[in-house]
mmCIF file of all heavy atoms, coordinates in Angstrom:
data_MODEL
# 
_entry.id   MODEL 
# 
loop_
_atom_site.group_PDB 
_atom_site.id 
_atom_site.type_symbol 
_atom_site.label_atom_id 
_atom_site.label_alt_id 
_atom_site.label_comp_id 
_atom_site.label_asym_id 
_atom_site.label_entity_id 
_atom_site.label_seq_id 
_atom_site.pdbx_PDB_ins_code 
_atom_site.Cartn_x 
_atom_site.Cartn_y 
_atom_site.Cartn_z 
_atom_site.occupancy 
_atom_site.B_iso_or_equiv 
_atom_site.pdbx_formal_charge 
_atom_site.auth_seq_id 
_atom_site.auth_comp_id 
_atom_site.auth_asym_id 
_atom_site.auth_atom_id 
_atom_site.pdbx_PDB_model_num 
ATOM 1   N N   . ARG A 1 1  ? 28.952 -80.817 -49.220 1.00 0.00 ? 1  ARG A N   1 
ATOM 2   C CA  . ARG A 1 1  ? 30.109 -81.662 -49.079 1.00 0.00 ? 1  ARG A CA  1 
ATOM 3   C C   . ARG A 1 1  ? 31.112 -80.862 -48.269 1.00 0.00 ? 1  ARG A C   1 
ATOM 4   O O   . ARG A 1 1  ? 31.513 -79.765 -48.650 1.00 0.00 ? 1  ARG A O   1 
ATOM 5   C CB  . ARG A 1 1  ? 30.702 -82.026 -50.438 1.00 0.00 ? 1  ARG A CB  1 
ATOM 6   C CG  . ARG A 1 1  ? 31.895 -82.979 -50.421 1.00 0.00 ? 1  ARG A CG  1 
ATOM 7   C CD  . ARG A 1 1  ? 32.470 -83.133 -51.810 1.00 0.00 ? 1  ARG A CD  1 
ATOM 8   N NE  . ARG A 1 1  ? 33.568 -84.095 -51.870 1.00 0.00 ? 1  ARG A NE  1 
ATOM 9   C CZ  . ARG A 1 1  ? 33.450 -85.340 -52.335 1.00 0.00 ? 1  ARG A CZ  1 
ATOM 10  N NH1 . ARG A 1 1  ? 32.233 -85.773 -52.733 1.00 0.00 ? 1  ARG A NH1 1 
ATOM 11  N NH2 . ARG A 1 1  ? 34.466 -86.146 -52.340 1.00 0.00 ? 1  ARG A NH2 1 
ATOM 12  N N   . THR A 1 2  ? 31.500 -81.384 -47.100 1.00 0.00 ? 2  THR A N   1 
ATOM 13  C CA  . THR A 1 2  ? 32.430 -80.681 -46.231 1.00 0.00 ? 2  THR A CA  1 
ATOM 14  C C   . THR A 1 2  ? 33.622 -81.527 -45.927 1.00 0.00 ? 2  THR A C   1 
ATOM 15  O O   . THR A 1 2  ? 33.571 -82.780 -46.061 1.00 0.00 ? 2  THR A O   1 
ATOM 16  C CB  . THR A 1 2  ? 31.740 -80.285 -44.876 1.00 0.00 ? 2  THR A CB  1 
ATOM 17  O OG1 . THR A 1 2  ? 31.257 -81.459 -44.259 1.00 0.00 ? 2  THR A OG1 1 
ATOM 18  C CG2 . THR A 1 2  ? 30.565 -79.317 -45.152 1.00 0.00 ? 2  THR A CG2 1 
ATOM 19  N N   . ARG A 1 3  ? 34.693 -80.901 -45.569 1.00 0.00 ? 3  ARG A N   1 
ATOM 20  C CA  . ARG A 1 3  ? 35.926 -81.610 -45.211 1.00 0.00 ? 3  ARG A CA  1 
ATOM 21  C C   . ARG A 1 3  ? 36.452 -81.095 -43.884 1.00 0.00 ? 3  ARG A C   1 
ATOM 22  O O   . ARG A 1 3  ? 36.667 -79.894 -43.705 1.00 0.00 ? 3  ARG A O   1 
ATOM 23  C CB  . ARG A 1 3  ? 37.000 -81.428 -46.267 1.00 0.00 ? 3  ARG A CB  1 
ATOM 24  C CG  . ARG A 1 3  ? 38.359 -82.105 -45.957 1.00 0.00 ? 3  ARG A CG  1 
ATOM 25  C CD  . ARG A 1 3  ? 38.277 -83.594 -46.090 1.00 0.00 ? 3  ARG A CD  1 
ATOM 26  N NE  . ARG A 1 3  ? 39.549 -84.264 -45.743 1.00 0.00 ? 3  ARG A NE  1 
ATOM 27  C CZ  . ARG A 1 3  ? 39.683 -85.586 -45.677 1.00 0.00 ? 3  ARG A CZ  1 
ATOM 28  N NH1 . ARG A 1 3  ? 38.639 -86.363 -45.940 1.00 0.00 ? 3  ARG A NH1 1 
ATOM 29  N NH2 . ARG A 1 3  ? 40.834 -86.111 -45.375 1.00 0.00 ? 3  ARG A NH2 1 
ATOM 30  N N   . GLN A 1 4  ? 36.535 -81.985 -42.903 1.00 0.00 ? 4  GLN A N   1 
ATOM 31  C CA  . GLN A 1 4  ? 37.153 -81.630 -41.638 1.00 0.00 ? 4  GLN A CA  1 
ATOM 32  C C   . GLN A 1 4  ? 38.636 -81.906 -41.709 1.00 0.00 ? 4  GLN A C   1 
ATOM 33  O O   . GLN A 1 4  ? 39.066 -82.957 -42.158 1.00 0.00 ? 4  GLN A O   1 
ATOM 34  C CB  . GLN A 1 4  ? 36.551 -82.393 -40.461 1.00 0.00 ? 4  GLN A CB  1 
ATOM 35  C CG  . GLN A 1 4  ? 37.268 -82.155 -39.118 1.00 0.00 ? 4  GLN A CG  1 
ATOM 36  C CD  . GLN A 1 4  ? 36.549 -82.786 -37.952 1.00 0.00 ? 4  GLN A CD  1 
ATOM 37  O OE1 . GLN A 1 4  ? 35.471 -82.391 -37.578 1.00 0.00 ? 4  GLN A OE1 1 
ATOM 38  N NE2 . GLN A 1 4  ? 37.166 -83.816 -37.353 1.00 0.00 ? 4  GLN A NE2 1 
ATOM 39  N N   . PHE A 1 5  ? 39.418 -80.908 -41.234 1.00 0.00 ? 5  PHE A N   1 
ATOM 40  C CA  . PHE A 1 5  ? 40.889 -81.070 -41.186 1.00 0.00 ? 5  PHE A CA  1 
ATOM 41  C C   . PHE A 1 5  ? 41.344 -81.093 -39.752 1.00 0.00 ? 5  PHE A C   1 
ATOM 42  O O   . PHE A 1 5  ? 40.929 -80.261 -38.934 1.00 0.00 ? 5  PHE A O   1 
ATOM 43  C CB  . PHE A 1 5  ? 41.539 -79.886 -41.932 1.00 0.00 ? 5  PHE A CB  1 
ATOM 44  C CG  . PHE A 1 5  ? 41.215 -79.794 -43.398 1.00 0.00 ? 5  PHE A CG  1 
ATOM 45  C CD1 . PHE A 1 5  ? 40.154 -79.014 -43.800 1.00 0.00 ? 5  PHE A CD1 1 
ATOM 46  C CD2 . PHE A 1 5  ? 41.942 -80.509 -44.324 1.00 0.00 ? 5  PHE A CD2 1 
ATOM 47  C CE1 . PHE A 1 5  ? 39.803 -78.951 -45.184 1.00 0.00 ? 5  PHE A CE1 1 
ATOM 48  C CE2 . PHE A 1 5  ? 41.642 -80.441 -45.683 1.00 0.00 ? 5  PHE A CE2 1 
ATOM 49  C CZ  . PHE A 1 5  ? 40.551 -79.648 -46.107 1.00 0.00 ? 5  PHE A CZ  1 
ATOM 50  N N   . ARG A 1 6  ? 42.158 -82.026 -39.434 1.00 0.00 ? 6  ARG A N   1 
ATOM 51  C CA  . ARG A 1 6  ? 42.768 -82.104 -38.091 1.00 0.00 ? 6  ARG A CA  1 
ATOM 52  C C   . ARG A 1 6  ? 44.292 -81.904 -38.234 1.00 0.00 ? 6  ARG A C   1 
ATOM 53  O O   . ARG A 1 6  ? 44.947 -82.631 -38.937 1.00 0.00 ? 6  ARG A O   1 
ATOM 54  C CB  . ARG A 1 6  ? 42.458 -83.479 -37.502 1.00 0.00 ? 6  ARG A CB  1 
ATOM 55  C CG  . ARG A 1 6  ? 43.236 -83.787 -36.206 1.00 0.00 ? 6  ARG A CG  1 
ATOM 56  C CD  . ARG A 1 6  ? 42.632 -83.177 -34.997 1.00 0.00 ? 6  ARG A CD  1 
ATOM 57  N NE  . ARG A 1 6  ? 43.399 -83.544 -33.796 1.00 0.00 ? 6  ARG A NE  1 
ATOM 58  C CZ  . ARG A 1 6  ? 42.995 -83.323 -32.554 1.00 0.00 ? 6  ARG A CZ  1 
ATOM 59  N NH1 . ARG A 1 6  ? 41.829 -82.765 -32.337 1.00 0.00 ? 6  ARG A NH1 1 
ATOM 60  N NH2 . ARG A 1 6  ? 43.730 -83.677 -31.544 1.00 0.00 ? 6  ARG A NH2 1 
ATOM 61  N N   . GLN A 1 7  ? 44.791 -80.858 -37.560 1.00 0.00 ? 7  GLN A N   1 
ATOM 62  C CA  . GLN A 1 7  ? 46.205 -80.509 -37.678 1.00 0.00 ? 7  GLN A CA  1 
ATOM 63  C C   . GLN A 1 7  ? 46.671 -79.829 -36.403 1.00 0.00 ? 7  GLN A C   1 
ATOM 64  O O   . GLN A 1 7  ? 45.981 -78.919 -35.895 1.00 0.00 ? 7  GLN A O   1 
ATOM 65  C CB  . GLN A 1 7  ? 46.485 -79.637 -38.902 1.00 0.00 ? 7  GLN A CB  1 
ATOM 66  C CG  . GLN A 1 7  ? 47.953 -79.386 -39.194 1.00 0.00 ? 7  GLN A CG  1 
ATOM 67  C CD  . GLN A 1 7  ? 48.136 -78.623 -40.470 1.00 0.00 ? 7  GLN A CD  1 
ATOM 68  O OE1 . GLN A 1 7  ? 47.186 -78.115 -41.074 1.00 0.00 ? 7  GLN A OE1 1 
ATOM 69  N NE2 . GLN A 1 7  ? 49.377 -78.539 -40.915 1.00 0.00 ? 7  GLN A NE2 1 
ATOM 70  N N   . ASP A 1 8  ? 47.822 -80.231 -35.865 1.00 0.00 ? 8  ASP A N   1 
ATOM 71  C CA  . ASP A 1 8  ? 48.411 -79.595 -34.717 1.00 0.00 ? 8  ASP A CA  1 
ATOM 72  C C   . ASP A 1 8  ? 47.447 -79.517 -33.536 1.00 0.00 ? 8  ASP A C   1 
ATOM 73  O O   . ASP A 1 8  ? 47.374 -78.511 -32.829 1.00 0.00 ? 8  ASP A O   1 
ATOM 74  C CB  . ASP A 1 8  ? 48.917 -78.174 -35.070 1.00 0.00 ? 8  ASP A CB  1 
ATOM 75  C CG  . ASP A 1 8  ? 49.983 -78.200 -36.154 1.00 0.00 ? 8  ASP A CG  1 
ATOM 76  O OD1 . ASP A 1 8  ? 50.735 -79.177 -36.195 1.00 0.00 ? 8  ASP A OD1 1 
ATOM 77  O OD2 . ASP A 1 8  ? 50.030 -77.223 -36.952 1.00 0.00 ? 8  ASP A OD2 1 
ATOM 78  N N   . GLY A 1 9  ? 46.702 -80.600 -33.336 1.00 0.00 ? 9  GLY A N   1 
ATOM 79  C CA  . GLY A 1 9  ? 45.784 -80.671 -32.187 1.00 0.00 ? 9  GLY A CA  1 
ATOM 80  C C   . GLY A 1 9  ? 44.522 -79.849 -32.343 1.00 0.00 ? 9  GLY A C   1 
ATOM 81  O O   . GLY A 1 9  ? 43.745 -79.724 -31.371 1.00 0.00 ? 9  GLY A O   1 
ATOM 82  N N   . CYS A 1 10 ? 44.244 -79.334 -33.531 1.00 0.00 ? 10 CYS A N   1 
ATOM 83  C CA  . CYS A 1 10 ? 43.028 -78.535 -33.763 1.00 0.00 ? 10 CYS A CA  1 
ATOM 84  C C   . CYS A 1 10 ? 42.285 -79.089 -34.978 1.00 0.00 ? 10 CYS A C   1 
ATOM 85  O O   . CYS A 1 10 ? 42.865 -79.706 -35.892 1.00 0.00 ? 10 CYS A O   1 
ATOM 86  C CB  . CYS A 1 10 ? 43.378 -77.085 -33.991 1.00 0.00 ? 10 CYS A CB  1 
ATOM 87  S SG  . CYS A 1 10 ? 44.255 -76.303 -32.607 1.00 0.00 ? 10 CYS A SG  1 
ATOM 88  N N   . ARG A 1 11 ? 40.993 -78.826 -35.017 1.00 0.00 ? 11 ARG A N   1 
ATOM 89  C CA  . ARG A 1 11 ? 40.187 -79.189 -36.195 1.00 0.00 ? 11 ARG A CA  1 
ATOM 90  C C   . ARG A 1 11 ? 39.458 -77.977 -36.730 1.00 0.00 ? 11 ARG A C   1 
ATOM 91  O O   . ARG A 1 11 ? 39.023 -77.108 -35.999 1.00 0.00 ? 11 ARG A O   1 
ATOM 92  C CB  . ARG A 1 11 ? 39.205 -80.282 -35.854 1.00 0.00 ? 11 ARG A CB  1 
ATOM 93  C CG  . ARG A 1 11 ? 38.173 -79.961 -34.790 1.00 0.00 ? 11 ARG A CG  1 
ATOM 94  C CD  . ARG A 1 11 ? 37.273 -81.167 -34.501 1.00 0.00 ? 11 ARG A CD  1 
ATOM 95  N NE  . ARG A 1 11 ? 36.401 -80.916 -33.338 1.00 0.00 ? 11 ARG A NE  1 
ATOM 96  C CZ  . ARG A 1 11 ? 35.149 -80.492 -33.432 1.00 0.00 ? 11 ARG A CZ  1 
ATOM 97  N NH1 . ARG A 1 11 ? 34.622 -80.225 -34.604 1.00 0.00 ? 11 ARG A NH1 1 
ATOM 98  N NH2 . ARG A 1 11 ? 34.413 -80.313 -32.341 1.00 0.00 ? 11 ARG A NH2 1 
ATOM 99  N N   . THR A 1 12 ? 39.368 -77.942 -38.065 1.00 0.00 ? 12 THR A N   1 
ATOM 100 C CA  . THR A 1 12 ? 38.602 -76.903 -38.789 1.00 0.00 ? 12 THR A CA  1 
ATOM 101 C C   . THR A 1 12 ? 37.788 -77.620 -39.865 1.00 0.00 ? 12 THR A C   1 
ATOM 102 O O   . THR A 1 12 ? 37.988 -78.810 -40.139 1.00 0.00 ? 12 THR A O   1 
ATOM 103 C CB  . THR A 1 12 ? 39.575 -75.904 -39.423 1.00 0.00 ? 12 THR A CB  1 
ATOM 104 O OG1 . THR A 1 12 ? 40.441 -76.612 -40.340 1.00 0.00 ? 12 THR A OG1 1 
ATOM 105 C CG2 . THR A 1 12 ? 40.370 -75.141 -38.404 1.00 0.00 ? 12 THR A CG2 1 
ATOM 106 N N   . MET A 1 13 ? 36.900 -76.897 -40.469 1.00 0.00 ? 13 MET A N   1 
ATOM 107 C CA  . MET A 1 13 ? 36.056 -77.457 -41.522 1.00 0.00 ? 13 MET A CA  1 
ATOM 108 C C   . MET A 1 13 ? 35.959 -76.497 -42.720 1.00 0.00 ? 13 MET A C   1 
ATOM 109 O O   . MET A 1 13 ? 35.840 -75.309 -42.547 1.00 0.00 ? 13 MET A O   1 
ATOM 110 C CB  . MET A 1 13 ? 34.646 -77.738 -40.974 1.00 0.00 ? 13 MET A CB  1 
ATOM 111 C CG  . MET A 1 13 ? 33.784 -78.575 -41.915 1.00 0.00 ? 13 MET A CG  1 
ATOM 112 S SD  . MET A 1 13 ? 32.016 -78.618 -41.429 1.00 0.00 ? 13 MET A SD  1 
ATOM 113 C CE  . MET A 1 13 ? 31.456 -77.018 -41.966 1.00 0.00 ? 13 MET A CE  1 
ATOM 114 N N   . GLN A 1 14 ? 36.003 -77.108 -43.881 1.00 0.00 ? 14 GLN A N   1 
ATOM 115 C CA  . GLN A 1 14 ? 35.842 -76.323 -45.132 1.00 0.00 ? 14 GLN A CA  1 
ATOM 116 C C   . GLN A 1 14 ? 34.595 -76.854 -45.865 1.00 0.00 ? 14 GLN A C   1 
ATOM 117 O O   . GLN A 1 14 ? 34.438 -78.073 -46.015 1.00 0.00 ? 14 GLN A O   1 
ATOM 118 C CB  . GLN A 1 14 ? 37.079 -76.473 -46.004 1.00 0.00 ? 14 GLN A CB  1 
ATOM 119 C CG  . GLN A 1 14 ? 37.012 -75.713 -47.332 1.00 0.00 ? 14 GLN A CG  1 
ATOM 120 C CD  . GLN A 1 14 ? 38.250 -75.880 -48.168 1.00 0.00 ? 14 GLN A CD  1 
ATOM 121 O OE1 . GLN A 1 14 ? 39.225 -76.554 -47.733 1.00 0.00 ? 14 GLN A OE1 1 
ATOM 122 N NE2 . GLN A 1 14 ? 38.252 -75.344 -49.352 1.00 0.00 ? 14 GLN A NE2 1 
ATOM 123 N N   . VAL A 1 15 ? 33.791 -75.922 -46.334 1.00 0.00 ? 15 VAL A N   1 
ATOM 124 C CA  . VAL A 1 15 ? 32.642 -76.285 -47.134 1.00 0.00 ? 15 VAL A CA  1 
ATOM 125 C C   . VAL A 1 15 ? 33.099 -76.355 -48.605 1.00 0.00 ? 15 VAL A C   1 
ATOM 126 O O   . VAL A 1 15 ? 33.443 -75.362 -49.217 1.00 0.00 ? 15 VAL A O   1 
ATOM 127 C CB  . VAL A 1 15 ? 31.453 -75.280 -47.025 1.00 0.00 ? 15 VAL A CB  1 
ATOM 128 C CG1 . VAL A 1 15 ? 30.306 -75.665 -47.896 1.00 0.00 ? 15 VAL A CG1 1 
ATOM 129 C CG2 . VAL A 1 15 ? 31.028 -75.143 -45.580 1.00 0.00 ? 15 VAL A CG2 1 
ATOM 130 N N   . LEU A 1 16 ? 33.089 -77.571 -49.151 1.00 0.00 ? 16 LEU A N   1 
ATOM 131 C CA  . LEU A 1 16 ? 33.590 -77.759 -50.509 1.00 0.00 ? 16 LEU A CA  1 
ATOM 132 C C   . LEU A 1 16 ? 32.474 -77.484 -51.551 1.00 0.00 ? 16 LEU A C   1 
ATOM 133 O O   . LEU A 1 16 ? 32.766 -76.944 -52.612 1.00 0.00 ? 16 LEU A O   1 
ATOM 134 C CB  . LEU A 1 16 ? 34.081 -79.188 -50.653 1.00 0.00 ? 16 LEU A CB  1 
ATOM 135 C CG  . LEU A 1 16 ? 35.181 -79.616 -49.690 1.00 0.00 ? 16 LEU A CG  1 
ATOM 136 C CD1 . LEU A 1 16 ? 35.553 -81.085 -49.903 1.00 0.00 ? 16 LEU A CD1 1 
ATOM 137 C CD2 . LEU A 1 16 ? 36.421 -78.723 -49.800 1.00 0.00 ? 16 LEU A CD2 1 
ATOM 138 N N   . GLN A 1 17 ? 31.283 -77.895 -51.231 1.00 0.00 ? 17 GLN A N   1 
ATOM 139 C CA  . GLN A 1 17 ? 30.111 -77.655 -52.104 1.00 0.00 ? 17 GLN A CA  1 
ATOM 140 C C   . GLN A 1 17 ? 28.894 -77.473 -51.218 1.00 0.00 ? 17 GLN A C   1 
ATOM 141 O O   . GLN A 1 17 ? 28.774 -78.095 -50.164 1.00 0.00 ? 17 GLN A O   1 
ATOM 142 C CB  . GLN A 1 17 ? 29.869 -78.855 -53.061 1.00 0.00 ? 17 GLN A CB  1 
ATOM 143 C CG  . GLN A 1 17 ? 31.006 -79.138 -53.996 1.00 0.00 ? 17 GLN A CG  1 
ATOM 144 C CD  . GLN A 1 17 ? 30.741 -80.366 -54.854 1.00 0.00 ? 17 GLN A CD  1 
ATOM 145 O OE1 . GLN A 1 17 ? 29.825 -81.153 -54.550 1.00 0.00 ? 17 GLN A OE1 1 
ATOM 146 N NE2 . GLN A 1 17 ? 31.565 -80.633 -55.863 1.00 0.00 ? 17 GLN A NE2 1 
ATOM 147 N N   . GLU A 1 18 ? 27.957 -76.659 -51.666 1.00 0.00 ? 18 GLU A N   1 
ATOM 148 C CA  . GLU A 1 18 ? 26.711 -76.487 -50.919 1.00 0.00 ? 18 GLU A CA  1 
ATOM 149 C C   . GLU A 1 18 ? 25.615 -75.985 -51.810 1.00 0.00 ? 18 GLU A C   1 
ATOM 150 O O   . GLU A 1 18 ? 25.850 -75.088 -52.701 1.00 0.00 ? 18 GLU A O   1 
ATOM 151 C CB  . GLU A 1 18 ? 26.902 -75.501 -49.750 1.00 0.00 ? 18 GLU A CB  1 
ATOM 152 C CG  . GLU A 1 18 ? 25.624 -75.338 -48.924 1.00 0.00 ? 18 GLU A CG  1 
ATOM 153 C CD  . GLU A 1 18 ? 25.810 -74.427 -47.733 1.00 0.00 ? 18 GLU A CD  1 
ATOM 154 O OE1 . GLU A 1 18 ? 26.379 -74.866 -46.759 1.00 0.00 ? 18 GLU A OE1 1 
ATOM 155 O OE2 . GLU A 1 18 ? 25.406 -73.241 -47.845 1.00 0.00 ? 18 GLU A OE2 1 
ATOM 156 N N   . GLN A 1 19 ? 24.449 -76.552 -51.663 1.00 0.00 ? 19 GLN A N   1 
ATOM 157 C CA  . GLN A 1 19 ? 23.277 -76.118 -52.429 1.00 0.00 ? 19 GLN A CA  1 
ATOM 158 C C   . GLN A 1 19 ? 22.101 -76.131 -51.470 1.00 0.00 ? 19 GLN A C   1 
ATOM 159 O O   . GLN A 1 19 ? 21.869 -77.112 -50.764 1.00 0.00 ? 19 GLN A O   1 
ATOM 160 C CB  . GLN A 1 19 ? 23.012 -76.999 -53.611 1.00 0.00 ? 19 GLN A CB  1 
ATOM 161 C CG  . GLN A 1 19 ? 21.828 -76.539 -54.447 1.00 0.00 ? 19 GLN A CG  1 
ATOM 162 C CD  . GLN A 1 19 ? 21.632 -77.417 -55.682 1.00 0.00 ? 19 GLN A CD  1 
ATOM 163 O OE1 . GLN A 1 19 ? 22.289 -78.444 -55.854 1.00 0.00 ? 19 GLN A OE1 1 
ATOM 164 N NE2 . GLN A 1 19 ? 20.730 -77.037 -56.595 1.00 0.00 ? 19 GLN A NE2 1 
ATOM 165 N N   . THR A 1 20 ? 21.303 -75.060 -51.443 1.00 0.00 ? 20 THR A N   1 
ATOM 166 C CA  . THR A 1 20 ? 20.094 -74.987 -50.596 1.00 0.00 ? 20 THR A CA  1 
ATOM 167 C C   . THR A 1 20 ? 18.892 -74.621 -51.431 1.00 0.00 ? 20 THR A C   1 
ATOM 168 O O   . THR A 1 20 ? 19.002 -74.031 -52.470 1.00 0.00 ? 20 THR A O   1 
ATOM 169 C CB  . THR A 1 20 ? 20.294 -73.938 -49.473 1.00 0.00 ? 20 THR A CB  1 
ATOM 170 O OG1 . THR A 1 20 ? 20.436 -72.641 -50.077 1.00 0.00 ? 20 THR A OG1 1 
ATOM 171 C CG2 . THR A 1 20 ? 21.515 -74.257 -48.599 1.00 0.00 ? 20 THR A CG2 1 
ATOM 172 N N   . THR A 1 21 ? 17.757 -75.031 -50.942 1.00 0.00 ? 21 THR A N   1 
ATOM 173 C CA  . THR A 1 21 ? 16.473 -74.657 -51.565 1.00 0.00 ? 21 THR A CA  1 
ATOM 174 C C   . THR A 1 21 ? 15.474 -74.270 -50.450 1.00 0.00 ? 21 THR A C   1 
ATOM 175 O O   . THR A 1 21 ? 15.670 -74.624 -49.291 1.00 0.00 ? 21 THR A O   1 
ATOM 176 C CB  . THR A 1 21 ? 15.863 -75.824 -52.395 1.00 0.00 ? 21 THR A CB  1 
ATOM 177 O OG1 . THR A 1 21 ? 15.552 -76.898 -51.502 1.00 0.00 ? 21 THR A OG1 1 
ATOM 178 C CG2 . THR A 1 21 ? 16.850 -76.318 -53.439 1.00 0.00 ? 21 THR A CG2 1 
ATOM 179 N N   . GLY A 1 22 ? 14.461 -73.560 -50.870 1.00 0.00 ? 22 GLY A N   1 
ATOM 180 C CA  . GLY A 1 22 ? 13.401 -73.177 -49.927 1.00 0.00 ? 22 GLY A CA  1 
ATOM 181 C C   . GLY A 1 22 ? 13.907 -72.234 -48.878 1.00 0.00 ? 22 GLY A C   1 
ATOM 182 O O   . GLY A 1 22 ? 14.824 -71.479 -49.081 1.00 0.00 ? 22 GLY A O   1 
ATOM 183 N N   . ASP A 1 23 ? 13.296 -72.305 -47.697 1.00 0.00 ? 23 ASP A N   1 
ATOM 184 C CA  . ASP A 1 23 ? 13.627 -71.396 -46.593 1.00 0.00 ? 23 ASP A CA  1 
ATOM 185 C C   . ASP A 1 23 ? 14.464 -72.062 -45.499 1.00 0.00 ? 23 ASP A C   1 
ATOM 186 O O   . ASP A 1 23 ? 14.265 -71.841 -44.347 1.00 0.00 ? 23 ASP A O   1 
ATOM 187 C CB  . ASP A 1 23 ? 12.383 -70.801 -45.998 1.00 0.00 ? 23 ASP A CB  1 
ATOM 188 C CG  . ASP A 1 23 ? 11.487 -71.884 -45.381 1.00 0.00 ? 23 ASP A CG  1 
ATOM 189 O OD1 . ASP A 1 23 ? 11.679 -73.094 -45.686 1.00 0.00 ? 23 ASP A OD1 1 
ATOM 190 O OD2 . ASP A 1 23 ? 10.552 -71.515 -44.609 1.00 0.00 ? 23 ASP A OD2 1 
ATOM 191 N N   . ILE A 1 24 ? 15.427 -72.893 -45.918 1.00 0.00 ? 24 ILE A N   1 
ATOM 192 C CA  . ILE A 1 24 ? 16.248 -73.597 -44.954 1.00 0.00 ? 24 ILE A CA  1 
ATOM 193 C C   . ILE A 1 24 ? 16.994 -72.601 -44.063 1.00 0.00 ? 24 ILE A C   1 
ATOM 194 O O   . ILE A 1 24 ? 17.239 -72.852 -42.882 1.00 0.00 ? 24 ILE A O   1 
ATOM 195 C CB  . ILE A 1 24 ? 17.246 -74.569 -45.662 1.00 0.00 ? 24 ILE A CB  1 
ATOM 196 C CG1 . ILE A 1 24 ? 17.863 -75.535 -44.637 1.00 0.00 ? 24 ILE A CG1 1 
ATOM 197 C CG2 . ILE A 1 24 ? 18.347 -73.776 -46.412 1.00 0.00 ? 24 ILE A CG2 1 
ATOM 198 C CD1 . ILE A 1 24 ? 16.912 -76.635 -44.234 1.00 0.00 ? 24 ILE A CD1 1 
ATOM 199 N N   . ARG A 1 25 ? 17.370 -71.435 -44.650 1.00 0.00 ? 25 ARG A N   1 
ATOM 200 C CA  . ARG A 1 25 ? 17.974 -70.338 -43.887 1.00 0.00 ? 25 ARG A CA  1 
ATOM 201 C C   . ARG A 1 25 ? 17.189 -69.075 -44.118 1.00 0.00 ? 25 ARG A C   1 
ATOM 202 O O   . ARG A 1 25 ? 16.477 -68.919 -45.126 1.00 0.00 ? 25 ARG A O   1 
ATOM 203 C CB  . ARG A 1 25 ? 19.436 -70.095 -44.321 1.00 0.00 ? 25 ARG A CB  1 
ATOM 204 C CG  . ARG A 1 25 ? 20.404 -71.197 -43.917 1.00 0.00 ? 25 ARG A CG  1 
ATOM 205 C CD  . ARG A 1 25 ? 21.834 -70.636 -44.131 1.00 0.00 ? 25 ARG A CD  1 
ATOM 206 N NE  . ARG A 1 25 ? 22.863 -71.648 -43.841 1.00 0.00 ? 25 ARG A NE  1 
ATOM 207 C CZ  . ARG A 1 25 ? 23.524 -72.349 -44.739 1.00 0.00 ? 25 ARG A CZ  1 
ATOM 208 N NH1 . ARG A 1 25 ? 23.226 -72.214 -46.027 1.00 0.00 ? 25 ARG A NH1 1 
ATOM 209 N NH2 . ARG A 1 25 ? 24.474 -73.217 -44.370 1.00 0.00 ? 25 ARG A NH2 1 
ATOM 210 N N   . ASP A 1 26 ? 17.316 -68.115 -43.179 1.00 0.00 ? 26 ASP A N   1 
ATOM 211 C CA  . ASP A 1 26 ? 16.665 -66.815 -43.368 1.00 0.00 ? 26 ASP A CA  1 
ATOM 212 C C   . ASP A 1 26 ? 17.658 -65.865 -44.074 1.00 0.00 ? 26 ASP A C   1 
ATOM 213 O O   . ASP A 1 26 ? 18.759 -66.264 -44.476 1.00 0.00 ? 26 ASP A O   1 
ATOM 214 C CB  . ASP A 1 26 ? 16.202 -66.216 -42.041 1.00 0.00 ? 26 ASP A CB  1 
ATOM 215 C CG  . ASP A 1 26 ? 17.359 -65.972 -41.052 1.00 0.00 ? 26 ASP A CG  1 
ATOM 216 O OD1 . ASP A 1 26 ? 18.540 -65.843 -41.491 1.00 0.00 ? 26 ASP A OD1 1 
ATOM 217 O OD2 . ASP A 1 26 ? 17.079 -65.883 -39.831 1.00 0.00 ? 26 ASP A OD2 1 
# 
């Protein structure tokens, strides 16, 4: 679950929740 924030002409993103399984990443 992520949230994109738009403020002062810029955007950022915050990861609110995350769960992974298997080898999705190294």
